Amino acid sequence: MDNHDWATKLQSTPCLQPLLNRDLVQITCHNETLHVTFMNKLTHKKRLISISGKHTDLLALLNGHCRLGTLITEQRVVYEGSYRDQLKTESLLYLNHER
């Protein structure tokens, strides 16, 4: 599944709507960095987070084979963004693959 399909799947999943609230999610990948953008539907303000690491770790994260917090703790990825958005991203990844 490519990044666009993943983001579209998130937006259309009813159980994830309370978590997304007013946000649209966009995922892009550049080299070994995953960029997640949350854009508020009402104000159009954007919040950008970056997750850098090995391609295999990022792929495992997107496919739900490991958790973001675990990868950060094990220093396998570097996370740049707010703690709130970290928890939101981890929840979206987890819930998207557990349903």
PDB file of N, CA and C in Angstrom:
ATOM      1  N   MET A   1       0.852  -1.178   0.000  1.00  0.00           N
ATOM      2  CA  MET A   1       0.000   0.000   0.000  1.00  0.00           C
ATOM      3  C   MET A   1       0.896   1.238   0.000  1.00  0.00           C
ATOM      4  N   ASP A   2       0.642   2.147  -0.924  1.00  0.00           N
ATOM      5  CA  ASP A   2       1.462   3.352  -0.950  1.00  0.00           C
ATOM      6  C   ASP A   2       0.951   4.375   0.068  1.00  0.00           C
ATOM      7  N   ASN A   3       1.704   5.451   0.216  1.00  0.00           N
ATOM      8  CA  ASN A   3       1.397   6.447   1.247  1.00  0.00           C
ATOM      9  C   ASN A   3       0.041   7.111   1.036  1.00  0.00           C
ATOM     10  N   HIS A   4      -0.314   7.384  -0.233  1.00  0.00           N
ATOM     11  CA  HIS A   4      -1.604   8.021  -0.513  1.00  0.00           C
ATOM     12  C   HIS A   4      -2.752   7.087  -0.132  1.00  0.00           C
ATOM     13  N   ASP A   5      -2.630   5.808  -0.492  1.00  0.00           N
ATOM     14  CA  ASP A   5      -3.667   4.831  -0.136  1.00  0.00           C
ATOM     15  C   ASP A   5      -3.815   4.717   1.377  1.00  0.00           C
ATOM     16  N   TRP A   6      -2.686   4.760   2.080  1.00  0.00           N
ATOM     17  CA  TRP A   6      -2.709   4.640   3.535  1.00  0.00           C
ATOM     18  C   TRP A   6      -3.459   5.818   4.148  1.00  0.00           C
ATOM     19  N   ALA A   7      -3.161   7.025   3.690  1.00  0.00           N
ATOM     20  CA  ALA A   7      -3.823   8.220   4.226  1.00  0.00           C
ATOM     21  C   ALA A   7      -5.309   8.226   3.879  1.00  0.00           C
ATOM     22  N   THR A   8      -5.657   7.798   2.667  1.00  0.00           N
ATOM     23  CA  THR A   8      -7.064   7.726   2.261  1.00  0.00           C
ATOM     24  C   THR A   8      -7.814   6.720   3.119  1.00  0.00           C
ATOM     25  N   LYS A   9      -7.178   5.592   3.396  1.00  0.00           N
ATOM     26  CA  LYS A   9      -7.786   4.564   4.247  1.00  0.00           C
ATOM     27  C   LYS A   9      -8.049   5.119   5.649  1.00  0.00           C
ATOM     28  N   LEU A  10      -7.098   5.887   6.174  1.00  0.00           N
ATOM     29  CA  LEU A  10      -7.281   6.501   7.494  1.00  0.00           C
ATOM     30  C   LEU A  10      -8.492   7.421   7.516  1.00  0.00           C
ATOM     31  N   GLN A  11      -8.599   8.271   6.495  1.00  0.00           N
ATOM     32  CA  GLN A  11      -9.675   9.254   6.454  1.00  0.00           C
ATOM     33  C   GLN A  11     -11.050   8.604   6.348  1.00  0.00           C
ATOM     34  N   SER A  12     -11.118   7.418   5.740  1.00  0.00           N
ATOM     35  CA  SER A  12     -12.417   6.788   5.496  1.00  0.00           C
ATOM     36  C   SER A  12     -12.784   5.716   6.521  1.00  0.00           C
ATOM     37  N   THR A  13     -11.973   5.536   7.550  1.00  0.00           N
ATOM     38  CA  THR A  13     -12.239   4.513   8.556  1.00  0.00           C
ATOM     39  C   THR A  13     -13.055   5.120   9.697  1.00  0.00           C
ATOM     40  N   PRO A  14     -14.305   4.665   9.873  1.00  0.00           N
ATOM     41  CA  PRO A  14     -15.191   5.270  10.884  1.00  0.00           C
ATOM     42  C   PRO A  14     -14.631   5.240  12.312  1.00  0.00           C
ATOM     43  N   CYS A  15     -13.969   4.155  12.709  1.00  0.00           N
ATOM     44  CA  CYS A  15     -13.480   4.071  14.091  1.00  0.00           C
ATOM     45  C   CYS A  15     -12.341   5.050  14.367  1.00  0.00           C
ATOM     46  N   LEU A  16     -11.709   5.586  13.317  1.00  0.00           N
ATOM     47  CA  LEU A  16     -10.615   6.538  13.506  1.00  0.00           C
ATOM     48  C   LEU A  16     -11.075   7.992  13.491  1.00  0.00           C
ATOM     49  N   GLN A  17     -12.316   8.234  13.115  1.00  0.00           N
ATOM     50  CA  GLN A  17     -12.816   9.605  13.018  1.00  0.00           C
ATOM     51  C   GLN A  17     -12.737  10.381  14.334  1.00  0.00           C
ATOM     52  N   PRO A  18     -13.075   9.780  15.486  1.00  0.00           N
ATOM     53  CA  PRO A  18     -12.930  10.549  16.736  1.00  0.00           C
ATOM     54  C   PRO A  18     -11.484  10.969  17.019  1.00  0.00           C
ATOM     55  N   LEU A  19     -10.530  10.144  16.621  1.00  0.00           N
ATOM     56  CA  LEU A  19      -9.127  10.469  16.842  1.00  0.00           C
ATOM     57  C   LEU A  19      -8.664  11.567  15.878  1.00  0.00           C
ATOM     58  N   LEU A  20      -9.116  11.492  14.642  1.00  0.00           N
ATOM     59  CA  LEU A  20      -8.734  12.504  13.652  1.00  0.00           C
ATOM     60  C   LEU A  20      -9.420  13.831  13.902  1.00  0.00           C
ATOM     61  N   ASN A  21     -10.658  13.772  14.413  1.00  0.00           N
ATOM     62  CA  ASN A  21     -11.433  14.965  14.717  1.00  0.00           C
ATOM     63  C   ASN A  21     -11.506  15.866  13.495  1.00  0.00           C
ATOM     64  N   ARG A  22     -10.854  16.996  13.518  1.00  0.00           N
ATOM     65  CA  ARG A  22     -10.914  17.949  12.403  1.00  0.00           C
ATOM     66  C   ARG A  22      -9.677  17.901  11.516  1.00  0.00           C
ATOM     67  N   ASP A  23      -8.849  16.893  11.676  1.00  0.00           N
ATOM     68  CA  ASP A  23      -7.588  16.844  10.942  1.00  0.00           C
ATOM     69  C   ASP A  23      -7.665  15.983   9.685  1.00  0.00           C
ATOM     70  N   LEU A  24      -6.988  16.450   8.654  1.00  0.00           N
ATOM     71  CA  LEU A  24      -6.702  15.644   7.474  1.00  0.00           C
ATOM     72  C   LEU A  24      -5.261  15.177   7.618  1.00  0.00           C
ATOM     73  N   VAL A  25      -4.982  13.956   7.213  1.00  0.00           N
ATOM     74  CA  VAL A  25      -3.639  13.401   7.357  1.00  0.00           C
ATOM     75  C   VAL A  25      -3.022  13.211   5.978  1.00  0.00           C
ATOM     76  N   GLN A  26      -1.766  13.631   5.857  1.00  0.00           N
ATOM     77  CA  GLN A  26      -1.021  13.408   4.623  1.00  0.00           C
ATOM     78  C   GLN A  26       0.315  12.779   4.993  1.00  0.00           C
ATOM     79  N   ILE A  27       0.681  11.723   4.273  1.00  0.00           N
ATOM     80  CA  ILE A  27       1.934  11.019   4.524  1.00  0.00           C
ATOM     81  C   ILE A  27       2.812  11.147   3.283  1.00  0.00           C
ATOM     82  N   THR A  28       4.068  11.546   3.472  1.00  0.00           N
ATOM     83  CA  THR A  28       5.030  11.553   2.375  1.00  0.00           C
ATOM     84  C   THR A  28       6.323  10.921   2.863  1.00  0.00           C
ATOM     85  N   CYS A  29       7.064  10.355   1.932  1.00  0.00           N
ATOM     86  CA  CYS A  29       8.319   9.698   2.270  1.00  0.00           C
ATOM     87  C   CYS A  29       9.417  10.259   1.376  1.00  0.00           C
ATOM     88  N   HIS A  30      10.514  10.680   1.981  1.00  0.00           N
ATOM     89  CA  HIS A  30      11.674  11.164   1.248  1.00  0.00           C
ATOM     90  C   HIS A  30      12.895  10.455   1.811  1.00  0.00           C
ATOM     91  N   ASN A  31      13.553   9.671   0.959  1.00  0.00           N
ATOM     92  CA  ASN A  31      14.714   8.890   1.379  1.00  0.00           C
ATOM     93  C   ASN A  31      14.354   8.051   2.599  1.00  0.00           C
ATOM     94  N   GLU A  32      14.961   8.318   3.727  1.00  0.00           N
ATOM     95  CA  GLU A  32      14.681   7.535   4.935  1.00  0.00           C
ATOM     96  C   GLU A  32      13.956   8.378   5.979  1.00  0.00           C
ATOM     97  N   THR A  33      13.107   9.287   5.514  1.00  0.00           N
ATOM     98  CA  THR A  33      12.321  10.131   6.411  1.00  0.00           C
ATOM     99  C   THR A  33      10.854  10.071   6.021  1.00  0.00           C
ATOM    100  N   LEU A  34      10.034   9.831   7.011  1.00  0.00           N
ATOM    101  CA  LEU A  34       8.588   9.802   6.838  1.00  0.00           C
ATOM    102  C   LEU A  34       8.043  11.115   7.382  1.00  0.00           C
ATOM    103  N   HIS A  35       7.291  11.852   6.561  1.00  0.00           N
ATOM    104  CA  HIS A  35       6.688  13.115   6.977  1.00  0.00           C
ATOM    105  C   HIS A  35       5.186  12.905   7.114  1.00  0.00           C
ATOM    106  N   VAL A  36       4.646  13.258   8.262  1.00  0.00           N
ATOM    107  CA  VAL A  36       3.208  13.177   8.504  1.00  0.00           C
ATOM    108  C   VAL A  36       2.725  14.602   8.750  1.00  0.00           C
ATOM    109  N   THR A  37       1.738  15.025   7.971  1.00  0.00           N
ATOM    110  CA  THR A  37       1.169  16.362   8.115  1.00  0.00           C
ATOM    111  C   THR A  37      -0.270  16.248   8.574  1.00  0.00           C
ATOM    112  N   PHE A  38      -0.586  16.915   9.667  1.00  0.00           N
ATOM    113  CA  PHE A  38      -1.960  17.031  10.141  1.00  0.00           C
ATOM    114  C   PHE A  38      -2.428  18.438   9.783  1.00  0.00           C
ATOM    115  N   MET A  39      -3.506  18.545   8.998  1.00  0.00           N
ATOM    116  CA  MET A  39      -4.036  19.857   8.648  1.00  0.00           C
ATOM    117  C   MET A  39      -5.459  19.985   9.184  1.00  0.00           C
ATOM    118  N   ASN A  40      -5.681  21.038   9.959  1.00  0.00           N
ATOM    119  CA  ASN A  40      -7.002  21.309  10.506  1.00  0.00           C
ATOM    120  C   ASN A  40      -7.937  21.714   9.375  1.00  0.00           C
ATOM    121  N   LYS A  41      -9.080  21.024   9.268  1.00  0.00           N
ATOM    122  CA  LYS A  41     -10.035  21.285   8.183  1.00  0.00           C
ATOM    123  C   LYS A  41     -10.646  22.681   8.266  1.00  0.00           C
ATOM    124  N   LEU A  42     -10.760  23.225   9.464  1.00  0.00           N
ATOM    125  CA  LEU A  42     -11.401  24.531   9.637  1.00  0.00           C
ATOM    126  C   LEU A  42     -10.431  25.694   9.475  1.00  0.00           C
ATOM    127  N   THR A  43      -9.282  25.613  10.135  1.00  0.00           N
ATOM    128  CA  THR A  43      -8.336  26.732  10.121  1.00  0.00           C
ATOM    129  C   THR A  43      -7.245  26.585   9.062  1.00  0.00           C
ATOM    130  N   HIS A  44      -7.088  25.396   8.506  1.00  0.00           N
ATOM    131  CA  HIS A  44      -6.061  25.073   7.514  1.00  0.00           C
ATOM    132  C   HIS A  44      -4.645  25.196   8.073  1.00  0.00           C
ATOM    133  N   LYS A  45      -4.508  25.196   9.393  1.00  0.00           N
ATOM    134  CA  LYS A  45      -3.181  25.203  10.004  1.00  0.00           C
ATOM    135  C   LYS A  45      -2.600  23.797   9.909  1.00  0.00           C
ATOM    136  N   LYS A  46      -1.292  23.744   9.633  1.00  0.00           N
ATOM    137  CA  LYS A  46      -0.622  22.452   9.469  1.00  0.00           C
ATOM    138  C   LYS A  46       0.349  22.200  10.605  1.00  0.00           C
ATOM    139  N   ARG A  47       0.423  20.937  11.003  1.00  0.00           N
ATOM    140  CA  ARG A  47       1.427  20.478  11.961  1.00  0.00           C
ATOM    141  C   ARG A  47       2.201  19.364  11.270  1.00  0.00           C
ATOM    142  N   LEU A  48       3.510  19.511  11.201  1.00  0.00           N
ATOM    143  CA  LEU A  48       4.353  18.553  10.502  1.00  0.00           C
ATOM    144  C   LEU A  48       5.207  17.795  11.500  1.00  0.00           C
ATOM    145  N   ILE A  49       5.237  16.482  11.341  1.00  0.00           N
ATOM    146  CA  ILE A  49       6.155  15.673  12.133  1.00  0.00           C
ATOM    147  C   ILE A  49       7.051  14.905  11.174  1.00  0.00           C
ATOM    148  N   SER A  50       8.232  14.554  11.638  1.00  0.00           N
ATOM    149  CA  SER A  50       9.182  13.783  10.842  1.00  0.00           C
ATOM    150  C   SER A  50       9.649  12.587  11.646  1.00  0.00           C
ATOM    151  N   ILE A  51       9.734  11.460  10.966  1.00  0.00           N
ATOM    152  CA  ILE A  51      10.254  10.240  11.572  1.00  0.00           C
ATOM    153  C   ILE A  51      11.361   9.750  10.649  1.00  0.00           C
ATOM    154  N   SER A  52      12.595   9.741  11.143  1.00  0.00           N
ATOM    155  CA  SER A  52      13.747   9.331  10.336  1.00  0.00           C
ATOM    156  C   SER A  52      14.313   8.032  10.870  1.00  0.00           C
ATOM    157  N   GLY A  53      14.722   7.181   9.961  1.00  0.00           N
ATOM    158  CA  GLY A  53      15.318   5.910  10.351  1.00  0.00           C
ATOM    159  C   GLY A  53      15.546   5.045   9.134  1.00  0.00           C
ATOM    160  N   LYS A  54      15.920   3.802   9.375  1.00  0.00           N
ATOM    161  CA  LYS A  54      16.137   2.865   8.280  1.00  0.00           C
ATOM    162  C   LYS A  54      14.814   2.588   7.574  1.00  0.00           C
ATOM    163  N   HIS A  55      14.924   2.336   6.281  1.00  0.00           N
ATOM    164  CA  HIS A  55      13.732   2.058   5.475  1.00  0.00           C
ATOM    165  C   HIS A  55      12.948   0.871   6.034  1.00  0.00           C
ATOM    166  N   THR A  56      13.641  -0.153   6.486  1.00  0.00           N
ATOM    167  CA  THR A  56      12.956  -1.345   7.015  1.00  0.00           C
ATOM    168  C   THR A  56      12.170  -1.020   8.282  1.00  0.00           C
ATOM    169  N   ASP A  57      12.711  -0.153   9.132  1.00  0.00           N
ATOM    170  CA  ASP A  57      12.002   0.239  10.356  1.00  0.00           C
ATOM    171  C   ASP A  57      10.770   1.080  10.035  1.00  0.00           C
ATOM    172  N   LEU A  58      10.896   1.989   9.069  1.00  0.00           N
ATOM    173  CA  LEU A  58       9.753   2.823   8.680  1.00  0.00           C
ATOM    174  C   LEU A  58       8.654   1.980   8.042  1.00  0.00           C
ATOM    175  N   LEU A  59       9.057   1.007   7.231  1.00  0.00           N
ATOM    176  CA  LEU A  59       8.081   0.120   6.603  1.00  0.00           C
ATOM    177  C   LEU A  59       7.368  -0.728   7.652  1.00  0.00           C
ATOM    178  N   ALA A  60       8.113  -1.232   8.626  1.00  0.00           N
ATOM    179  CA  ALA A  60       7.509  -2.016   9.710  1.00  0.00           C
ATOM    180  C   ALA A  60       6.533  -1.160  10.512  1.00  0.00           C
ATOM    181  N   LEU A  61       6.864   0.097  10.702  1.00  0.00           N
ATOM    182  CA  LEU A  61       5.985   1.023  11.420  1.00  0.00           C
ATOM    183  C   LEU A  61       4.683   1.246  10.650  1.00  0.00           C
ATOM    184  N   LEU A  62       4.788   1.515   9.356  1.00  0.00           N
ATOM    185  CA  LEU A  62       3.598   1.743   8.532  1.00  0.00           C
ATOM    186  C   LEU A  62       2.729   0.497   8.403  1.00  0.00           C
ATOM    187  N   ASN A  63       3.362  -0.666   8.417  1.00  0.00           N
ATOM    188  CA  ASN A  63       2.616  -1.918   8.275  1.00  0.00           C
ATOM    189  C   ASN A  63       2.092  -2.449   9.600  1.00  0.00           C
ATOM    190  N   GLY A  64       2.372  -1.742  10.685  1.00  0.00           N
ATOM    191  CA  GLY A  64       1.844  -2.132  11.985  1.00  0.00           C
ATOM    192  C   GLY A  64       2.600  -3.246  12.675  1.00  0.00           C
ATOM    193  N   HIS A  65       3.832  -3.515  12.248  1.00  0.00           N
ATOM    194  CA  HIS A  65       4.613  -4.591  12.850  1.00  0.00           C
ATOM    195  C   HIS A  65       5.387  -4.153  14.088  1.00  0.00           C
ATOM    196  N   CYS A  66       5.473  -2.853  14.326  1.00  0.00           N
ATOM    197  CA  CYS A  66       6.117  -2.343  15.532  1.00  0.00           C
ATOM    198  C   CYS A  66       5.491  -0.996  15.870  1.00  0.00           C
ATOM    199  N   ARG A  67       5.738  -0.556  17.087  1.00  0.00           N
ATOM    200  CA  ARG A  67       5.130   0.695  17.561  1.00  0.00           C
ATOM    201  C   ARG A  67       6.156   1.820  17.532  1.00  0.00           C
ATOM    202  N   LEU A  68       5.658   3.021  17.288  1.00  0.00           N
ATOM    203  CA  LEU A  68       6.521   4.193  17.197  1.00  0.00           C
ATOM    204  C   LEU A  68       7.287   4.416  18.493  1.00  0.00           C
ATOM    205  N   GLY A  69       6.610   4.332  19.630  1.00  0.00           N
ATOM    206  CA  GLY A  69       7.267   4.536  20.921  1.00  0.00           C
ATOM    207  C   GLY A  69       8.411   3.567  21.156  1.00  0.00           C
ATOM    208  N   THR A  70       8.225   2.326  20.725  1.00  0.00           N
ATOM    209  CA  THR A  70       9.270   1.310  20.875  1.00  0.00           C
ATOM    210  C   THR A  70      10.481   1.663  20.021  1.00  0.00           C
ATOM    211  N   LEU A  71      10.240   2.060  18.785  1.00  0.00           N
ATOM    212  CA  LEU A  71      11.345   2.427  17.894  1.00  0.00           C
ATOM    213  C   LEU A  71      12.103   3.645  18.415  1.00  0.00           C
ATOM    214  N   ILE A  72      11.390   4.593  19.006  1.00  0.00           N
ATOM    215  CA  ILE A  72      12.041   5.776  19.578  1.00  0.00           C
ATOM    216  C   ILE A  72      12.877   5.378  20.788  1.00  0.00           C
ATOM    217  N   THR A  73      12.301   4.563  21.671  1.00  0.00           N
ATOM    218  CA  THR A  73      13.011   4.119  22.876  1.00  0.00           C
ATOM    219  C   THR A  73      14.274   3.343  22.523  1.00  0.00           C
ATOM    220  N   GLU A  74      14.181   2.499  21.509  1.00  0.00           N
ATOM    221  CA  GLU A  74      15.331   1.699  21.083  1.00  0.00           C
ATOM    222  C   GLU A  74      16.287   2.495  20.199  1.00  0.00           C
ATOM    223  N   GLN A  75      15.996   3.767  19.982  1.00  0.00           N
ATOM    224  CA  GLN A  75      16.794   4.686  19.162  1.00  0.00           C
ATOM    225  C   GLN A  75      16.983   4.171  17.739  1.00  0.00           C
ATOM    226  N   ARG A  76      15.947   3.508  17.214  1.00  0.00           N
ATOM    227  CA  ARG A  76      15.977   3.028  15.832  1.00  0.00           C
ATOM    228  C   ARG A  76      15.414   4.076  14.879  1.00  0.00           C
ATOM    229  N   VAL A  77      14.649   5.030  15.415  1.00  0.00           N
ATOM    230  CA  VAL A  77      14.152   6.161  14.625  1.00  0.00           C
ATOM    231  C   VAL A  77      14.325   7.436  15.436  1.00  0.00           C
ATOM    232  N   VAL A  78      14.365   8.549  14.722  1.00  0.00           N
ATOM    233  CA  VAL A  78      14.414   9.865  15.354  1.00  0.00           C
ATOM    234  C   VAL A  78      13.089  10.543  15.041  1.00  0.00           C
ATOM    235  N   TYR A  79      12.405  10.995  16.086  1.00  0.00           N
ATOM    236  CA  TYR A  79      11.098  11.628  15.939  1.00  0.00           C
ATOM    237  C   TYR A  79      11.236  13.125  16.176  1.00  0.00           C
ATOM    238  N   GLU A  80      10.655  13.928  15.281  1.00  0.00           N
ATOM    239  CA  GLU A  80      10.624  15.382  15.443  1.00  0.00           C
ATOM    240  C   GLU A  80       9.180  15.841  15.367  1.00  0.00           C
ATOM    241  N   GLY A  81       8.678  16.358  16.462  1.00  0.00           N
ATOM    242  CA  GLY A  81       7.302  16.824  16.543  1.00  0.00           C
ATOM    243  C   GLY A  81       6.874  16.849  17.990  1.00  0.00           C
ATOM    244  N   SER A  82       5.628  17.212  18.212  1.00  0.00           N
ATOM    245  CA  SER A  82       5.135  17.293  19.588  1.00  0.00           C
ATOM    246  C   SER A  82       4.804  15.901  20.122  1.00  0.00           C
ATOM    247  N   TYR A  83       4.806  15.788  21.433  1.00  0.00           N
ATOM    248  CA  TYR A  83       4.463  14.515  22.070  1.00  0.00           C
ATOM    249  C   TYR A  83       3.012  14.153  21.763  1.00  0.00           C
ATOM    250  N   ARG A  84       2.153  15.154  21.727  1.00  0.00           N
ATOM    251  CA  ARG A  84       0.735  14.927  21.413  1.00  0.00           C
ATOM    252  C   ARG A  84       0.580  14.307  20.025  1.00  0.00           C
ATOM    253  N   ASP A  85       1.298  14.847  19.047  1.00  0.00           N
ATOM    254  CA  ASP A  85       1.223  14.299  17.691  1.00  0.00           C
ATOM    255  C   ASP A  85       1.892  12.929  17.595  1.00  0.00           C
ATOM    256  N   GLN A  86       2.893  12.689  18.436  1.00  0.00           N
ATOM    257  CA  GLN A  86       3.509  11.359  18.484  1.00  0.00           C
ATOM    258  C   GLN A  86       2.473  10.325  18.924  1.00  0.00           C
ATOM    259  N   LEU A  87       1.746  10.638  19.988  1.00  0.00           N
ATOM    260  CA  LEU A  87       0.723   9.715  20.485  1.00  0.00           C
ATOM    261  C   LEU A  87      -0.394   9.530  19.464  1.00  0.00           C
ATOM    262  N   LYS A  88      -0.767  10.613  18.810  1.00  0.00           N
ATOM    263  CA  LYS A  88      -1.823  10.540  17.798  1.00  0.00           C
ATOM    264  C   LYS A  88      -1.384   9.663  16.624  1.00  0.00           C
ATOM    265  N   THR A  89      -0.160   9.870  16.156  1.00  0.00           N
ATOM    266  CA  THR A  89       0.365   9.081  15.041  1.00  0.00           C
ATOM    267  C   THR A  89       0.455   7.611  15.410  1.00  0.00           C
ATOM    268  N   GLU A  90       0.966   7.328  16.600  1.00  0.00           N
ATOM    269  CA  GLU A  90       1.078   5.937  17.038  1.00  0.00           C
ATOM    270  C   GLU A  90      -0.298   5.288  17.147  1.00  0.00           C
ATOM    271  N   SER A  91      -1.265   6.012  17.663  1.00  0.00           N
ATOM    272  CA  SER A  91      -2.626   5.480  17.773  1.00  0.00           C
ATOM    273  C   SER A  91      -3.230   5.216  16.403  1.00  0.00           C
ATOM    274  N   LEU A  92      -3.035   6.134  15.471  1.00  0.00           N
ATOM    275  CA  LEU A  92      -3.558   5.940  14.118  1.00  0.00           C
ATOM    276  C   LEU A  92      -2.955   4.704  13.461  1.00  0.00           C
ATOM    277  N   LEU A  93      -1.647   4.547  13.594  1.00  0.00           N
ATOM    278  CA  LEU A  93      -0.986   3.380  13.015  1.00  0.00           C
ATOM    279  C   LEU A  93      -1.487   2.090  13.651  1.00  0.00           C
ATOM    280  N   TYR A  94      -1.601   2.094  14.966  1.00  0.00           N
ATOM    281  CA  TYR A  94      -2.033   0.899  15.696  1.00  0.00           C
ATOM    282  C   TYR A  94      -3.485   0.548  15.373  1.00  0.00           C
ATOM    283  N   LEU A  95      -4.379   1.519  15.478  1.00  0.00           N
ATOM    284  CA  LEU A  95      -5.799   1.258  15.237  1.00  0.00           C
ATOM    285  C   LEU A  95      -6.081   0.912  13.784  1.00  0.00           C
ATOM    286  N   ASN A  96      -5.332   1.493  12.874  1.00  0.00           N
ATOM    287  CA  ASN A  96      -5.537   1.222  11.457  1.00  0.00           C
ATOM    288  C   ASN A  96      -5.235  -0.239  11.120  1.00  0.00           C
ATOM    289  N   HIS A  97      -4.316  -0.857  11.858  1.00  0.00           N
ATOM    290  CA  HIS A  97      -3.940  -2.244  11.565  1.00  0.00           C
ATOM    291  C   HIS A  97      -4.612  -3.254  12.475  1.00  0.00           C
ATOM    292  N   GLU A  98      -5.223  -2.803  13.553  1.00  0.00           N
ATOM    293  CA  GLU A  98      -5.860  -3.727  14.490  1.00  0.00           C
ATOM    294  C   GLU A  98      -7.325  -3.974  14.195  1.00  0.00           C
ATOM    295  N   ARG A  99      -7.924  -3.169  13.375  1.00  0.00           N
ATOM    296  CA  ARG A  99      -9.368  -3.317  13.156  1.00  0.00           C
ATOM    297  C   ARG A  99      -9.691  -4.412  12.180  1.00  0.00           C
TER     298      ARG A  99
END
